[in-house]
Amino acid sequence: MKALVIGATGATGKDLVNQLLNDKDFEEVDVFVRKPIDIQNSKLNVHIVNFEKPEEWKNNVKGDVAFSCLGTTLKAAGSKEAQRKVDYDYQYEFAKAAKENNVEDYILVSAYGANPKSKIFYSKMKGELEEAVKQLHFTKITIFKPGMLERKDSDRAGEVLGSRIIKFANKLGLLESQKPLPTNILAKAMIKSSKIKSNGYSSIKLGNISCFAEKSNE
């Protein structure tokens, strides 16, 4: 199979790309990034793109399965408008290009609580993206909605503190449903879902971590 990845430089994306390159079921892995990445592999094709100009790169979005795990924070983006460009516009353009090029399987990392009717900016934006991608009518769509992610060597102070608090609560038998999900486990579940051909809704469980995914055939 040939995999297409957007968000390859993020924590989840890095784990995903490394696992795809080590997976014998994938012969090619194409990543779409804004700057070069420090990975050398005969299976890897790196496309340096300007996400503001999809007309320049959309014809390269061709393969068997597309993985979308791009995302940023409001602090890093600097404004809600800038964050929406990354978390909605860029991802939607990638999904649209994949659909136009007959990619059948689309896997999107969204967020727990995503809802287009939410009054919370982030949750509303994520929910709107989910709905927009569904309307593209891929043969198969898988939407992961993880809660707090546990990123290796994270520099997000609030995220690190929140993870520590929840882990402490977990030790006391509290907040088990909000247990932080390591990005490498999420990446493994994403790859596993790409190999499942069933329809309907299901959840994927790895070890003692559950990451719920919506899967639908339009």
N, C-alpha and C. Protein backbone atom coordinates (compact mmCIF):
# COMPACT_ATOMS: atom_id res chain seq x y z
N MET A 1 0.83 -1.19 0.00
CA MET A 1 0.00 0.00 0.00
C MET A 1 0.87 1.25 0.00
N LYS A 2 0.25 2.33 -0.43
CA LYS A 2 0.92 3.62 -0.40
C LYS A 2 0.18 4.53 0.57
N ALA A 3 0.93 5.08 1.54
CA ALA A 3 0.34 5.96 2.56
C ALA A 3 0.67 7.41 2.26
N LEU A 4 -0.27 8.28 2.57
CA LEU A 4 -0.10 9.71 2.43
C LEU A 4 -0.28 10.33 3.81
N VAL A 5 0.63 11.22 4.20
CA VAL A 5 0.57 11.76 5.57
C VAL A 5 0.70 13.28 5.57
N ILE A 6 -0.19 13.92 6.31
CA ILE A 6 -0.09 15.34 6.59
C ILE A 6 0.01 15.48 8.11
N GLY A 7 0.96 16.33 8.55
CA GLY A 7 1.20 16.45 9.98
C GLY A 7 2.36 15.58 10.44
N ALA A 8 3.25 15.26 9.52
CA ALA A 8 4.35 14.32 9.80
C ALA A 8 5.39 14.85 10.78
N THR A 9 5.41 16.16 11.03
CA THR A 9 6.43 16.71 11.93
C THR A 9 5.93 16.85 13.36
N GLY A 10 4.66 16.58 13.60
CA GLY A 10 4.12 16.63 14.95
C GLY A 10 4.42 15.34 15.69
N ALA A 11 4.07 15.30 16.96
CA ALA A 11 4.38 14.12 17.78
C ALA A 11 3.70 12.86 17.25
N THR A 12 2.42 12.94 16.98
CA THR A 12 1.70 11.78 16.44
C THR A 12 2.21 11.44 15.06
N GLY A 13 2.43 12.47 14.23
CA GLY A 13 2.89 12.26 12.86
C GLY A 13 4.25 11.58 12.80
N LYS A 14 5.16 11.98 13.68
CA LYS A 14 6.49 11.36 13.70
C LYS A 14 6.38 9.88 14.02
N ASP A 15 5.59 9.56 15.04
CA ASP A 15 5.41 8.14 15.39
C ASP A 15 4.75 7.39 14.25
N LEU A 16 3.77 8.01 13.63
CA LEU A 16 3.04 7.37 12.53
C LEU A 16 3.98 7.07 11.36
N VAL A 17 4.77 8.06 10.96
CA VAL A 17 5.67 7.86 9.82
C VAL A 17 6.69 6.77 10.12
N ASN A 18 7.27 6.79 11.29
CA ASN A 18 8.26 5.77 11.66
C ASN A 18 7.65 4.37 11.62
N GLN A 19 6.44 4.25 12.12
CA GLN A 19 5.78 2.94 12.12
C GLN A 19 5.40 2.50 10.71
N LEU A 20 4.96 3.44 9.88
CA LEU A 20 4.62 3.10 8.50
C LEU A 20 5.85 2.62 7.74
N LEU A 21 6.97 3.28 7.97
CA LEU A 21 8.21 2.89 7.28
C LEU A 21 8.68 1.52 7.69
N ASN A 22 8.30 1.09 8.88
CA ASN A 22 8.70 -0.23 9.38
C ASN A 22 7.63 -1.29 9.17
N ASP A 23 6.54 -0.90 8.51
CA ASP A 23 5.43 -1.82 8.28
C ASP A 23 5.56 -2.41 6.87
N LYS A 24 5.66 -3.72 6.78
CA LYS A 24 5.87 -4.39 5.49
C LYS A 24 4.67 -4.25 4.56
N ASP A 25 3.51 -3.88 5.09
CA ASP A 25 2.33 -3.73 4.25
C ASP A 25 2.33 -2.42 3.46
N PHE A 26 3.24 -1.51 3.81
CA PHE A 26 3.32 -0.23 3.11
C PHE A 26 4.62 -0.16 2.32
N GLU A 27 4.48 -0.04 1.00
CA GLU A 27 5.66 0.03 0.13
C GLU A 27 6.16 1.47 -0.03
N GLU A 28 5.24 2.44 0.09
CA GLU A 28 5.59 3.85 -0.08
C GLU A 28 4.91 4.69 0.99
N VAL A 29 5.61 5.73 1.43
CA VAL A 29 5.05 6.67 2.39
C VAL A 29 5.36 8.08 1.89
N ASP A 30 4.33 8.81 1.50
CA ASP A 30 4.50 10.18 1.04
C ASP A 30 4.07 11.14 2.14
N VAL A 31 4.95 12.08 2.50
CA VAL A 31 4.61 13.07 3.51
C VAL A 31 4.59 14.45 2.87
N PHE A 32 3.68 15.28 3.34
CA PHE A 32 3.53 16.64 2.83
C PHE A 32 3.84 17.60 3.97
N VAL A 33 4.97 18.30 3.86
CA VAL A 33 5.48 19.12 4.95
C VAL A 33 5.92 20.49 4.44
N ARG A 34 6.07 21.44 5.36
CA ARG A 34 6.48 22.79 4.98
C ARG A 34 7.99 22.93 4.89
N LYS A 35 8.72 22.02 5.55
CA LYS A 35 10.17 22.08 5.51
C LYS A 35 10.74 20.67 5.56
N PRO A 36 11.99 20.48 5.15
CA PRO A 36 12.57 19.14 5.12
C PRO A 36 12.54 18.47 6.48
N ILE A 37 12.46 17.15 6.48
CA ILE A 37 12.50 16.39 7.73
C ILE A 37 13.74 15.52 7.76
N ASP A 38 14.18 15.21 8.95
CA ASP A 38 15.44 14.48 9.13
C ASP A 38 15.21 12.97 9.18
N ILE A 39 14.69 12.43 8.10
CA ILE A 39 14.48 10.98 7.99
C ILE A 39 14.94 10.54 6.61
N GLN A 40 15.73 9.49 6.57
CA GLN A 40 16.19 8.92 5.31
C GLN A 40 15.68 7.49 5.21
N ASN A 41 14.91 7.21 4.17
CA ASN A 41 14.38 5.87 3.99
C ASN A 41 13.97 5.70 2.53
N SER A 42 14.27 4.56 1.97
CA SER A 42 13.98 4.33 0.55
C SER A 42 12.48 4.33 0.26
N LYS A 43 11.65 4.09 1.28
CA LYS A 43 10.21 4.07 1.09
C LYS A 43 9.58 5.46 1.21
N LEU A 44 10.36 6.42 1.68
CA LEU A 44 9.83 7.74 2.00
C LEU A 44 9.98 8.74 0.85
N ASN A 45 8.90 9.42 0.53
CA ASN A 45 8.90 10.51 -0.44
C ASN A 45 8.46 11.78 0.29
N VAL A 46 9.29 12.80 0.29
CA VAL A 46 8.99 14.03 1.01
C VAL A 46 8.59 15.12 0.02
N HIS A 47 7.40 15.67 0.21
CA HIS A 47 6.92 16.77 -0.63
C HIS A 47 6.95 18.05 0.19
N ILE A 48 7.82 18.98 -0.17
CA ILE A 48 7.87 20.27 0.50
C ILE A 48 6.82 21.15 -0.16
N VAL A 49 5.82 21.58 0.60
CA VAL A 49 4.68 22.28 0.00
C VAL A 49 4.36 23.58 0.73
N ASN A 50 3.67 24.43 0.03
CA ASN A 50 3.08 25.63 0.60
C ASN A 50 1.59 25.33 0.74
N PHE A 51 1.15 25.12 1.96
CA PHE A 51 -0.24 24.73 2.17
C PHE A 51 -1.23 25.81 1.74
N GLU A 52 -0.73 27.03 1.56
CA GLU A 52 -1.59 28.11 1.10
C GLU A 52 -1.91 27.97 -0.40
N LYS A 53 -1.14 27.11 -1.08
CA LYS A 53 -1.32 26.97 -2.53
C LYS A 53 -1.55 25.50 -2.90
N PRO A 54 -2.71 24.95 -2.55
CA PRO A 54 -2.99 23.53 -2.83
C PRO A 54 -2.94 23.18 -4.31
N GLU A 55 -3.15 24.17 -5.16
CA GLU A 55 -3.11 23.89 -6.60
C GLU A 55 -1.73 23.44 -7.04
N GLU A 56 -0.69 23.73 -6.24
CA GLU A 56 0.68 23.36 -6.60
C GLU A 56 1.02 21.93 -6.19
N TRP A 57 0.29 21.36 -5.23
CA TRP A 57 0.66 20.04 -4.72
C TRP A 57 -0.48 19.01 -4.73
N LYS A 58 -1.70 19.44 -5.00
CA LYS A 58 -2.83 18.53 -4.87
C LYS A 58 -2.75 17.31 -5.77
N ASN A 59 -2.10 17.44 -6.93
CA ASN A 59 -2.00 16.30 -7.84
C ASN A 59 -1.07 15.20 -7.34
N ASN A 60 -0.29 15.50 -6.29
CA ASN A 60 0.60 14.49 -5.71
C ASN A 60 -0.06 13.68 -4.60
N VAL A 61 -1.27 14.06 -4.24
CA VAL A 61 -1.96 13.35 -3.16
C VAL A 61 -2.65 12.12 -3.74
N LYS A 62 -1.85 11.13 -4.07
CA LYS A 62 -2.34 9.91 -4.69
C LYS A 62 -1.80 8.70 -3.95
N GLY A 63 -2.69 7.81 -3.54
CA GLY A 63 -2.26 6.62 -2.82
C GLY A 63 -3.45 5.80 -2.38
N ASP A 64 -3.22 4.90 -1.42
CA ASP A 64 -4.28 4.01 -0.96
C ASP A 64 -4.98 4.51 0.29
N VAL A 65 -4.21 5.13 1.19
CA VAL A 65 -4.79 5.61 2.44
C VAL A 65 -4.13 6.93 2.83
N ALA A 66 -4.95 7.89 3.26
CA ALA A 66 -4.44 9.20 3.67
C ALA A 66 -4.63 9.36 5.17
N PHE A 67 -3.57 9.78 5.84
CA PHE A 67 -3.60 10.02 7.28
C PHE A 67 -3.47 11.52 7.54
N SER A 68 -4.39 12.08 8.29
CA SER A 68 -4.34 13.50 8.61
C SER A 68 -4.21 13.69 10.12
N CYS A 69 -3.04 14.12 10.55
CA CYS A 69 -2.82 14.37 11.99
C CYS A 69 -2.15 15.72 12.20
N LEU A 70 -2.46 16.65 11.33
CA LEU A 70 -1.92 18.00 11.42
C LEU A 70 -2.66 18.77 12.52
N GLY A 71 -1.95 19.66 13.19
CA GLY A 71 -2.61 20.46 14.21
C GLY A 71 -1.64 21.40 14.90
N THR A 72 -2.16 22.43 15.50
CA THR A 72 -1.34 23.37 16.23
C THR A 72 -2.11 23.85 17.45
N THR A 73 -1.49 24.70 18.25
CA THR A 73 -2.15 25.28 19.41
C THR A 73 -2.42 26.75 19.16
N LEU A 74 -3.34 27.31 19.92
CA LEU A 74 -3.65 28.73 19.78
C LEU A 74 -2.41 29.57 20.11
N LYS A 75 -1.65 29.13 21.11
CA LYS A 75 -0.44 29.85 21.49
C LYS A 75 0.59 29.85 20.37
N ALA A 76 0.79 28.71 19.75
CA ALA A 76 1.78 28.61 18.67
C ALA A 76 1.32 29.35 17.43
N ALA A 77 0.03 29.29 17.14
CA ALA A 77 -0.50 29.93 15.94
C ALA A 77 -0.55 31.45 16.09
N GLY A 78 -0.87 31.91 17.29
CA GLY A 78 -0.90 33.35 17.53
C GLY A 78 -2.29 33.97 17.50
N SER A 79 -3.24 33.31 16.85
CA SER A 79 -4.61 33.82 16.79
C SER A 79 -5.54 32.68 16.40
N LYS A 80 -6.82 32.88 16.64
CA LYS A 80 -7.80 31.86 16.26
C LYS A 80 -7.84 31.69 14.75
N GLU A 81 -7.69 32.80 14.03
CA GLU A 81 -7.72 32.74 12.57
C GLU A 81 -6.55 31.91 12.03
N ALA A 82 -5.37 32.11 12.62
CA ALA A 82 -4.18 31.37 12.19
C ALA A 82 -4.30 29.90 12.56
N GLN A 83 -4.86 29.61 13.73
CA GLN A 83 -5.03 28.22 14.13
C GLN A 83 -6.03 27.51 13.22
N ARG A 84 -7.09 28.21 12.84
CA ARG A 84 -8.09 27.60 11.97
C ARG A 84 -7.50 27.25 10.60
N LYS A 85 -6.56 28.08 10.12
CA LYS A 85 -5.91 27.78 8.85
C LYS A 85 -5.26 26.41 8.89
N VAL A 86 -4.55 26.13 9.99
CA VAL A 86 -3.83 24.87 10.13
C VAL A 86 -4.78 23.71 10.44
N ASP A 87 -5.65 23.94 11.42
CA ASP A 87 -6.48 22.85 11.92
C ASP A 87 -7.72 22.58 11.08
N TYR A 88 -8.08 23.52 10.22
CA TYR A 88 -9.24 23.29 9.36
C TYR A 88 -8.88 23.42 7.88
N ASP A 89 -8.46 24.61 7.46
CA ASP A 89 -8.25 24.88 6.03
C ASP A 89 -7.27 23.92 5.38
N TYR A 90 -6.07 23.80 5.96
CA TYR A 90 -5.04 22.96 5.36
C TYR A 90 -5.48 21.50 5.31
N GLN A 91 -6.11 21.05 6.38
CA GLN A 91 -6.53 19.65 6.43
C GLN A 91 -7.67 19.39 5.45
N TYR A 92 -8.57 20.33 5.33
CA TYR A 92 -9.68 20.13 4.40
C TYR A 92 -9.17 20.10 2.95
N GLU A 93 -8.24 20.98 2.62
CA GLU A 93 -7.69 20.99 1.26
C GLU A 93 -6.98 19.68 0.95
N PHE A 94 -6.30 19.12 1.94
CA PHE A 94 -5.61 17.83 1.77
C PHE A 94 -6.65 16.73 1.54
N ALA A 95 -7.72 16.75 2.34
CA ALA A 95 -8.78 15.74 2.19
C ALA A 95 -9.45 15.87 0.83
N LYS A 96 -9.71 17.09 0.42
CA LYS A 96 -10.36 17.30 -0.87
C LYS A 96 -9.48 16.81 -2.02
N ALA A 97 -8.18 17.06 -1.91
CA ALA A 97 -7.26 16.59 -2.95
C ALA A 97 -7.23 15.07 -2.98
N ALA A 98 -7.24 14.45 -1.80
CA ALA A 98 -7.24 12.98 -1.73
C ALA A 98 -8.49 12.42 -2.40
N LYS A 99 -9.63 13.01 -2.14
CA LYS A 99 -10.88 12.55 -2.74
C LYS A 99 -10.85 12.71 -4.26
N GLU A 100 -10.37 13.87 -4.72
CA GLU A 100 -10.30 14.13 -6.15
C GLU A 100 -9.37 13.15 -6.86
N ASN A 101 -8.39 12.62 -6.13
CA ASN A 101 -7.44 11.67 -6.70
C ASN A 101 -7.81 10.22 -6.39
N ASN A 102 -9.05 10.02 -5.96
CA ASN A 102 -9.60 8.66 -5.75
C ASN A 102 -8.94 7.87 -4.63
N VAL A 103 -8.43 8.56 -3.61
CA VAL A 103 -7.98 7.86 -2.41
C VAL A 103 -9.23 7.33 -1.71
N GLU A 104 -9.26 6.06 -1.38
CA GLU A 104 -10.48 5.47 -0.84
C GLU A 104 -10.58 5.53 0.67
N ASP A 105 -9.44 5.49 1.35
CA ASP A 105 -9.43 5.36 2.81
C ASP A 105 -8.86 6.64 3.44
N TYR A 106 -9.65 7.32 4.27
CA TYR A 106 -9.19 8.56 4.90
C TYR A 106 -9.26 8.43 6.41
N ILE A 107 -8.15 8.72 7.08
CA ILE A 107 -8.07 8.60 8.53
C ILE A 107 -7.71 9.95 9.13
N LEU A 108 -8.60 10.47 9.95
CA LEU A 108 -8.46 11.81 10.52
C LEU A 108 -8.32 11.76 12.03
N VAL A 109 -7.34 12.47 12.56
CA VAL A 109 -7.23 12.63 14.00
C VAL A 109 -7.95 13.92 14.38
N SER A 110 -9.03 13.78 15.10
CA SER A 110 -9.81 14.92 15.55
C SER A 110 -9.53 15.13 17.04
N ALA A 111 -10.54 15.35 17.82
CA ALA A 111 -10.32 15.58 19.26
C ALA A 111 -11.57 15.18 20.04
N TYR A 112 -11.35 14.75 21.25
CA TYR A 112 -12.46 14.41 22.14
C TYR A 112 -13.33 15.66 22.34
N GLY A 113 -14.63 15.50 22.20
CA GLY A 113 -15.53 16.63 22.40
C GLY A 113 -15.78 17.46 21.15
N ALA A 114 -15.20 17.05 20.02
CA ALA A 114 -15.41 17.79 18.78
C ALA A 114 -16.89 17.83 18.44
N ASN A 115 -17.39 19.03 18.16
CA ASN A 115 -18.82 19.19 17.89
C ASN A 115 -19.03 20.51 17.16
N PRO A 116 -19.58 20.46 15.95
CA PRO A 116 -19.76 21.69 15.17
C PRO A 116 -20.69 22.70 15.84
N LYS A 117 -21.46 22.26 16.83
CA LYS A 117 -22.38 23.15 17.53
C LYS A 117 -21.83 23.64 18.87
N SER A 118 -20.61 23.24 19.17
CA SER A 118 -20.00 23.63 20.45
C SER A 118 -19.77 25.13 20.52
N LYS A 119 -19.83 25.68 21.72
CA LYS A 119 -19.54 27.09 21.94
C LYS A 119 -18.04 27.31 22.19
N ILE A 120 -17.32 26.20 22.29
CA ILE A 120 -15.87 26.27 22.49
C ILE A 120 -15.20 26.30 21.12
N PHE A 121 -14.36 27.28 20.87
CA PHE A 121 -13.77 27.48 19.55
C PHE A 121 -13.10 26.22 19.03
N TYR A 122 -12.23 25.61 19.81
CA TYR A 122 -11.46 24.45 19.36
C TYR A 122 -12.38 23.27 19.04
N SER A 123 -13.30 22.98 19.94
CA SER A 123 -14.22 21.85 19.73
C SER A 123 -15.12 22.08 18.53
N LYS A 124 -15.57 23.31 18.35
CA LYS A 124 -16.41 23.66 17.21
C LYS A 124 -15.65 23.49 15.90
N MET A 125 -14.40 23.98 15.87
CA MET A 125 -13.57 23.89 14.67
C MET A 125 -13.32 22.43 14.30
N LYS A 126 -12.98 21.61 15.28
CA LYS A 126 -12.73 20.20 15.02
C LYS A 126 -14.00 19.50 14.53
N GLY A 127 -15.12 19.85 15.12
CA GLY A 127 -16.38 19.25 14.69
C GLY A 127 -16.75 19.65 13.28
N GLU A 128 -16.49 20.91 12.92
CA GLU A 128 -16.77 21.38 11.57
C GLU A 128 -15.89 20.66 10.55
N LEU A 129 -14.65 20.41 10.92
CA LEU A 129 -13.75 19.68 10.02
C LEU A 129 -14.25 18.26 9.80
N GLU A 130 -14.66 17.59 10.87
CA GLU A 130 -15.19 16.24 10.75
C GLU A 130 -16.35 16.19 9.77
N GLU A 131 -17.28 17.12 9.94
CA GLU A 131 -18.45 17.13 9.06
C GLU A 131 -18.07 17.42 7.62
N ALA A 132 -17.13 18.35 7.41
CA ALA A 132 -16.71 18.69 6.05
C ALA A 132 -16.04 17.50 5.36
N VAL A 133 -15.22 16.77 6.09
CA VAL A 133 -14.53 15.61 5.53
C VAL A 133 -15.54 14.50 5.22
N LYS A 134 -16.51 14.31 6.10
CA LYS A 134 -17.54 13.30 5.84
C LYS A 134 -18.30 13.60 4.56
N GLN A 135 -18.52 14.88 4.30
CA GLN A 135 -19.27 15.28 3.11
C GLN A 135 -18.51 15.02 1.81
N LEU A 136 -17.24 14.68 1.91
CA LEU A 136 -16.48 14.33 0.71
C LEU A 136 -16.78 12.91 0.25
N HIS A 137 -17.40 12.13 1.12
CA HIS A 137 -17.87 10.78 0.79
C HIS A 137 -16.75 9.85 0.32
N PHE A 138 -15.74 9.70 1.16
CA PHE A 138 -14.72 8.69 0.88
C PHE A 138 -15.36 7.31 1.01
N THR A 139 -14.75 6.31 0.39
CA THR A 139 -15.24 4.95 0.54
C THR A 139 -15.24 4.55 2.01
N LYS A 140 -14.19 4.96 2.72
CA LYS A 140 -14.08 4.64 4.13
C LYS A 140 -13.47 5.83 4.86
N ILE A 141 -14.08 6.23 5.95
CA ILE A 141 -13.55 7.32 6.76
C ILE A 141 -13.43 6.84 8.19
N THR A 142 -12.28 7.08 8.80
CA THR A 142 -12.08 6.76 10.21
C THR A 142 -11.70 8.05 10.92
N ILE A 143 -12.44 8.38 11.96
CA ILE A 143 -12.17 9.60 12.71
C ILE A 143 -11.82 9.23 14.14
N PHE A 144 -10.59 9.50 14.53
CA PHE A 144 -10.14 9.26 15.89
C PHE A 144 -10.39 10.49 16.74
N LYS A 145 -10.90 10.27 17.94
CA LYS A 145 -11.20 11.38 18.85
C LYS A 145 -10.51 11.16 20.19
N PRO A 146 -9.19 11.26 20.21
CA PRO A 146 -8.47 11.05 21.47
C PRO A 146 -8.68 12.21 22.42
N GLY A 147 -8.52 11.93 23.71
CA GLY A 147 -8.56 12.99 24.70
C GLY A 147 -7.16 13.60 24.80
N MET A 148 -6.64 13.68 26.00
CA MET A 148 -5.30 14.23 26.17
C MET A 148 -4.26 13.27 25.61
N LEU A 149 -3.34 13.80 24.80
CA LEU A 149 -2.28 12.99 24.23
C LEU A 149 -1.00 13.13 25.05
N GLU A 150 -0.30 12.03 25.17
CA GLU A 150 0.99 12.03 25.87
C GLU A 150 2.09 12.05 24.80
N ARG A 151 2.69 13.24 24.63
CA ARG A 151 3.72 13.43 23.62
C ARG A 151 5.10 13.28 24.23
N LYS A 152 5.96 12.56 23.52
CA LYS A 152 7.32 12.37 23.98
C LYS A 152 8.06 13.71 23.97
N ASP A 153 8.71 14.07 25.08
CA ASP A 153 9.50 15.31 25.19
C ASP A 153 8.66 16.54 24.85
N SER A 154 7.41 16.57 25.28
CA SER A 154 6.54 17.70 25.00
C SER A 154 7.05 18.97 25.67
N ASP A 155 6.95 20.10 24.95
CA ASP A 155 7.33 21.40 25.51
C ASP A 155 6.09 22.23 25.83
N ARG A 156 4.92 21.59 25.82
CA ARG A 156 3.68 22.29 26.15
C ARG A 156 3.46 22.17 27.65
N ALA A 157 3.76 23.23 28.40
CA ALA A 157 3.73 23.19 29.86
C ALA A 157 2.37 22.79 30.41
N GLY A 158 1.32 23.38 29.85
CA GLY A 158 -0.02 23.07 30.32
C GLY A 158 -0.39 21.62 30.10
N GLU A 159 0.03 21.09 28.96
CA GLU A 159 -0.26 19.70 28.62
C GLU A 159 0.49 18.75 29.55
N VAL A 160 1.76 19.05 29.82
CA VAL A 160 2.57 18.22 30.71
C VAL A 160 1.97 18.20 32.11
N LEU A 161 1.59 19.39 32.60
CA LEU A 161 0.99 19.48 33.93
C LEU A 161 -0.32 18.73 33.99
N GLY A 162 -1.15 18.92 32.97
CA GLY A 162 -2.44 18.24 32.94
C GLY A 162 -2.28 16.73 32.91
N SER A 163 -1.30 16.25 32.16
CA SER A 163 -1.04 14.82 32.07
C SER A 163 -0.63 14.26 33.43
N ARG A 164 0.22 15.01 34.13
CA ARG A 164 0.68 14.56 35.45
C ARG A 164 -0.48 14.48 36.44
N ILE A 165 -1.36 15.47 36.38
CA ILE A 165 -2.51 15.49 37.29
C ILE A 165 -3.42 14.31 37.02
N ILE A 166 -3.71 14.05 35.73
CA ILE A 166 -4.60 12.94 35.38
C ILE A 166 -3.96 11.60 35.74
N LYS A 167 -2.65 11.47 35.50
CA LYS A 167 -1.97 10.22 35.85
C LYS A 167 -2.03 9.97 37.35
N PHE A 168 -1.88 11.05 38.13
CA PHE A 168 -1.97 10.92 39.59
C PHE A 168 -3.37 10.47 39.98
N ALA A 169 -4.39 11.07 39.34
CA ALA A 169 -5.77 10.68 39.60
C ALA A 169 -6.01 9.22 39.21
N ASN A 170 -5.38 8.80 38.10
CA ASN A 170 -5.52 7.41 37.66
C ASN A 170 -5.01 6.44 38.71
N LYS A 171 -3.93 6.82 39.38
CA LYS A 171 -3.36 5.96 40.42
C LYS A 171 -4.33 5.78 41.59
N LEU A 172 -5.21 6.77 41.75
CA LEU A 172 -6.21 6.72 42.81
C LEU A 172 -7.52 6.09 42.33
N GLY A 173 -7.48 5.62 41.07
CA GLY A 173 -8.67 5.00 40.51
C GLY A 173 -9.67 5.99 39.96
N LEU A 174 -9.21 7.23 39.71
CA LEU A 174 -10.09 8.28 39.21
C LEU A 174 -9.76 8.64 37.77
N LEU A 175 -10.74 9.19 37.06
CA LEU A 175 -10.57 9.71 35.69
C LEU A 175 -9.96 8.68 34.73
N GLU A 176 -10.33 7.41 34.90
CA GLU A 176 -9.78 6.37 34.03
C GLU A 176 -10.11 6.62 32.57
N SER A 177 -11.30 7.19 32.30
CA SER A 177 -11.69 7.43 30.91
C SER A 177 -10.88 8.55 30.27
N GLN A 178 -10.15 9.33 31.09
CA GLN A 178 -9.36 10.44 30.57
C GLN A 178 -7.85 10.15 30.63
N LYS A 179 -7.52 8.89 30.73
CA LYS A 179 -6.12 8.52 30.80
C LYS A 179 -5.37 9.01 29.56
N PRO A 180 -4.24 9.72 29.74
CA PRO A 180 -3.48 10.24 28.59
C PRO A 180 -3.10 9.11 27.62
N LEU A 181 -3.24 9.39 26.34
CA LEU A 181 -2.95 8.40 25.30
C LEU A 181 -1.60 8.70 24.66
N PRO A 182 -0.62 7.80 24.79
CA PRO A 182 0.69 8.02 24.14
C PRO A 182 0.52 8.10 22.63
N THR A 183 1.24 9.01 22.00
CA THR A 183 1.09 9.20 20.56
C THR A 183 1.51 7.97 19.76
N ASN A 184 2.44 7.20 20.28
CA ASN A 184 2.85 6.00 19.53
C ASN A 184 1.73 4.96 19.51
N ILE A 185 0.92 4.93 20.57
CA ILE A 185 -0.22 4.01 20.61
C ILE A 185 -1.31 4.48 19.65
N LEU A 186 -1.53 5.79 19.61
CA LEU A 186 -2.49 6.34 18.66
C LEU A 186 -2.06 6.03 17.23
N ALA A 187 -0.78 6.22 16.93
CA ALA A 187 -0.27 5.93 15.59
C ALA A 187 -0.47 4.46 15.23
N LYS A 188 -0.22 3.59 16.18
CA LYS A 188 -0.40 2.15 15.94
C LYS A 188 -1.86 1.84 15.64
N ALA A 189 -2.77 2.49 16.37
CA ALA A 189 -4.20 2.27 16.14
C ALA A 189 -4.63 2.79 14.78
N MET A 190 -4.05 3.91 14.35
CA MET A 190 -4.38 4.48 13.04
C MET A 190 -3.98 3.51 11.93
N ILE A 191 -2.79 2.94 12.04
CA ILE A 191 -2.33 1.99 11.03
C ILE A 191 -3.19 0.73 11.05
N LYS A 192 -3.51 0.28 12.26
CA LYS A 192 -4.36 -0.90 12.37
C LYS A 192 -5.71 -0.65 11.70
N SER A 193 -6.26 0.55 11.90
CA SER A 193 -7.57 0.85 11.31
C SER A 193 -7.52 0.86 9.79
N SER A 194 -6.36 1.21 9.22
CA SER A 194 -6.23 1.23 7.76
C SER A 194 -6.29 -0.17 7.16
N LYS A 195 -6.12 -1.16 7.99
CA LYS A 195 -6.12 -2.54 7.51
C LYS A 195 -7.44 -3.25 7.79
N ILE A 196 -8.37 -2.53 8.41
CA ILE A 196 -9.69 -3.09 8.71
C ILE A 196 -10.66 -2.68 7.63
N LYS A 197 -11.36 -3.63 7.06
CA LYS A 197 -12.25 -3.35 5.94
C LYS A 197 -13.72 -3.36 6.32
N SER A 198 -14.03 -3.50 7.61
CA SER A 198 -15.42 -3.57 8.04
C SER A 198 -16.10 -2.20 8.00
N ASN A 199 -17.43 -2.23 8.03
CA ASN A 199 -18.22 -1.00 8.01
C ASN A 199 -18.75 -0.68 9.40
N GLY A 200 -19.51 0.40 9.49
CA GLY A 200 -20.18 0.72 10.75
C GLY A 200 -19.28 1.46 11.73
N TYR A 201 -19.64 1.39 13.00
CA TYR A 201 -18.91 2.09 14.05
C TYR A 201 -18.24 1.09 14.97
N SER A 202 -17.05 1.45 15.42
CA SER A 202 -16.34 0.55 16.33
C SER A 202 -15.30 1.33 17.10
N SER A 203 -14.70 0.67 18.08
CA SER A 203 -13.59 1.28 18.80
C SER A 203 -12.40 0.34 18.70
N ILE A 204 -11.23 0.91 18.73
CA ILE A 204 -10.01 0.11 18.63
C ILE A 204 -9.32 0.15 19.97
N LYS A 205 -9.00 -1.00 20.54
CA LYS A 205 -8.38 -1.04 21.85
C LYS A 205 -7.02 -1.71 21.76
N LEU A 206 -6.02 -1.05 22.31
CA LEU A 206 -4.66 -1.57 22.33
C LEU A 206 -4.17 -1.56 23.78
N GLY A 207 -3.89 -2.73 24.31
CA GLY A 207 -3.47 -2.78 25.71
C GLY A 207 -4.62 -2.30 26.59
N ASN A 208 -4.32 -1.41 27.54
CA ASN A 208 -5.36 -0.89 28.41
C ASN A 208 -5.79 0.51 28.00
N ILE A 209 -5.43 0.90 26.75
CA ILE A 209 -5.79 2.21 26.23
C ILE A 209 -6.87 2.06 25.17
N SER A 210 -7.96 2.76 25.32
CA SER A 210 -9.01 2.74 24.30
C SER A 210 -9.03 4.08 23.57
N CYS A 211 -9.02 4.03 22.26
CA CYS A 211 -9.14 5.24 21.44
C CYS A 211 -10.32 5.03 20.52
N PHE A 212 -11.38 5.78 20.71
CA PHE A 212 -12.59 5.55 19.95
C PHE A 212 -12.51 6.16 18.56
N ALA A 213 -13.01 5.42 17.61
CA ALA A 213 -12.96 5.87 16.21
C ALA A 213 -14.33 5.68 15.59
N GLU A 214 -14.75 6.66 14.82
CA GLU A 214 -15.95 6.53 14.04
C GLU A 214 -15.55 6.07 12.66
N LYS A 215 -16.15 5.01 12.17
CA LYS A 215 -15.86 4.52 10.84
C LYS A 215 -17.15 4.42 10.06
N SER A 216 -17.16 5.01 8.90
CA SER A 216 -18.40 4.97 8.14
C SER A 216 -18.10 4.83 6.66
N ASN A 217 -18.94 4.10 5.99
CA ASN A 217 -18.91 4.01 4.53
C ASN A 217 -20.07 4.84 4.01
N GLU A 218 -19.72 5.84 3.17
CA GLU A 218 -20.76 6.72 2.63
C GLU A 218 -21.32 6.10 1.34
